[in-house]
């Protein structure tokens, strides 16, 4: 267990953030952290504040004036991580939700009041999946001024003795002894130093003897430990059943021995810095604590609790938790804290192997999520920066292909089982002709008829498809260059097939409205650029399609691609810029000191190689990465950015057509990578 970063408040002359009493803190499954402070003004008036931050950008904190009249006693996220409950000592309860699906814009549309009764605990009911009253094990912690006692109790079935008279009256009673539920103490510790905060694990694991033995043999401990913070500044991870110490963290400069028990120690002069509230992440690989000075500390917790492991076993631990997050939909930022650059390639490969073993239906459900997970892993390695751009481009391609094909409508109502989009995929896979017009003959062109305004509104999206095809074909002669994004697409038959289908769709729509076609700068006025690109794309697709044998592109195809720059102007694609988050800068395991509200001057990350098109300096024109619009160096429209990949898009749509709304609905709540949206402040020259 070690410290990843500390974030503290700047001292302001007229007001200051001081820890609230009691201090509440909670951690959502989307890796948003909410905690409370009291804002004290010059005249000593207190304002109850709720602060919400993303673990990747902790300095960018969003503060809410809660309007609670008394101290906030409880904070609790819901299962989706998009709503937050707050309750105070006067019985007031508020439900906070994201306004416009922005993680730094919150409103409280509803609330309740239990007048005069302080709220000491609250929980969400999850339609029977997670009930607050269904409790089998309880942790009790009682503290005095100098010491604490921690006990673990379990709810067990026990036989109920029956009098012989009743056994004679009812023989069935004697055959099957009735049972009753009773609370029994499992373990207890006493004579501990005074406990200041407790954090319980959220990871659901089995606690049978067999499973506990497997965990011990493999040294896989997430979910088995709970955290206790002491007034001397130390944090102990103890087993949730036996309460035996598993790991210790000391915030003082002179740490004690790991073998030293957590017994009462002589009190030091003055109060030590200690955590007043703590929360474990949803995979139990990270711990956040708010101390008595109002500072936030992020701690890493090793899956093996510090035991030395061979590389293969350590990879399996992280792989298991990544798969857990993929299936549950939870954010995996806390897992990335433990991934070293040398692990990235192996993790990506093993993750792909596990994914291909699943059924086709499950693969379709998880197809975009595994791409986002691979992209976040590749950010941690300097050797895989271009793969990040490629995974994001593939996410965009999948979304664009699905949206554009969904706009196709059958000509008559009594259609067969297959949709026009499915028939397009089937026909394009079956017909390998390099002539785009011959492929069009086999399609029912009446299914492609759209309103003229709709076609014009889609032009920017169609332009990206055309530019991307031209860029990939021009990259074929240099496909071995690791510093050029896009080379993995050249051997991806599925992605090339998608692009081929979209080229056919664009060709048909261009006959209806020529102004919606991609614009190319050609050296010859008579050249049919769409036909040329489709012919080369088809030849490349035939070499690596899934239905046939794979082969290397022949020399004639490579020579034709070499001539493309002399026939068409090759566009420079606007790749997604490298994000300014923390996770790639925490690899050396040296804690960073940050300040709330002040963007840090962070050291260079593993991904900050000066690759052309990947680094966007201040003052350079910005892109709306989802609408493919140029926003200028200092956008005047309000924009939002993804907390994970850094994707930027406008808050309000400049176009009101149905097709554009359908495209924008795909990412109104989350980015294409699954990250949350964060409102960007307006920038000025």
Foldseek 3Di string as FASTA:
>chain_A
DAFQAKAAADDDDFKDWFAFVQKEWDAALQQKIKIWTWIQGPVRDTFIKIWIDHPFFRQAIAIDRPPDPAHWQYWDAANVRFKIWIFFQQFKIFIKGADLLARRHIDTPDIDGPGRHTDNDDDDDDPPPDDPPPDFKDWDWDFDPWWIKIWIKGWDKDFDDDDVVVCVVPVVCVVDTDIDIDIDTQEMDTQFGGWQEKEAAQADDDDDPVVVVVCVVLLQCFRQWIWTKHQQAKIFTAGNRHRHTLEMDHPDPDDDDRPDDRHGDDDDPDTHWIFNYKYAHNRRQWMWGQTSRRMIIIGGAQRNRPDDDDPVSSLVSLLVVVVVCLVSVGDCLSSLLPDAQVCLVVNLVVNVVVLVVDDPVVNVVSVLQNLLVNLLSLLQALLRLLSNLVSVVVLLLVLLLVLLLVQFQDPDDPDDPDGLSRVLLVLLVVDLDLFLVVSLVPHDLVRLDDDPVVLQLCLLVQQVLVLLLLQLLLCVVVLVDSLDHDSVVLQDLVSLSSSLSSLSSLVSVCVVPVVSHHDWDFPDPPDDVSSLSSNLSSQSSVQRHPVDHHDDRDPVSNVSSNCSVVTIPRDDDQGQAADPTCSQQSNVVDYYYHYHNDDDPGPDGNHPDPRPNHHDDQQAWDAQVQSRDIQHNFHPAWWKAFPRRGHIHGSDDPDDDPSVVSSCVVDSNHDSNRGGIHTDDGDDD
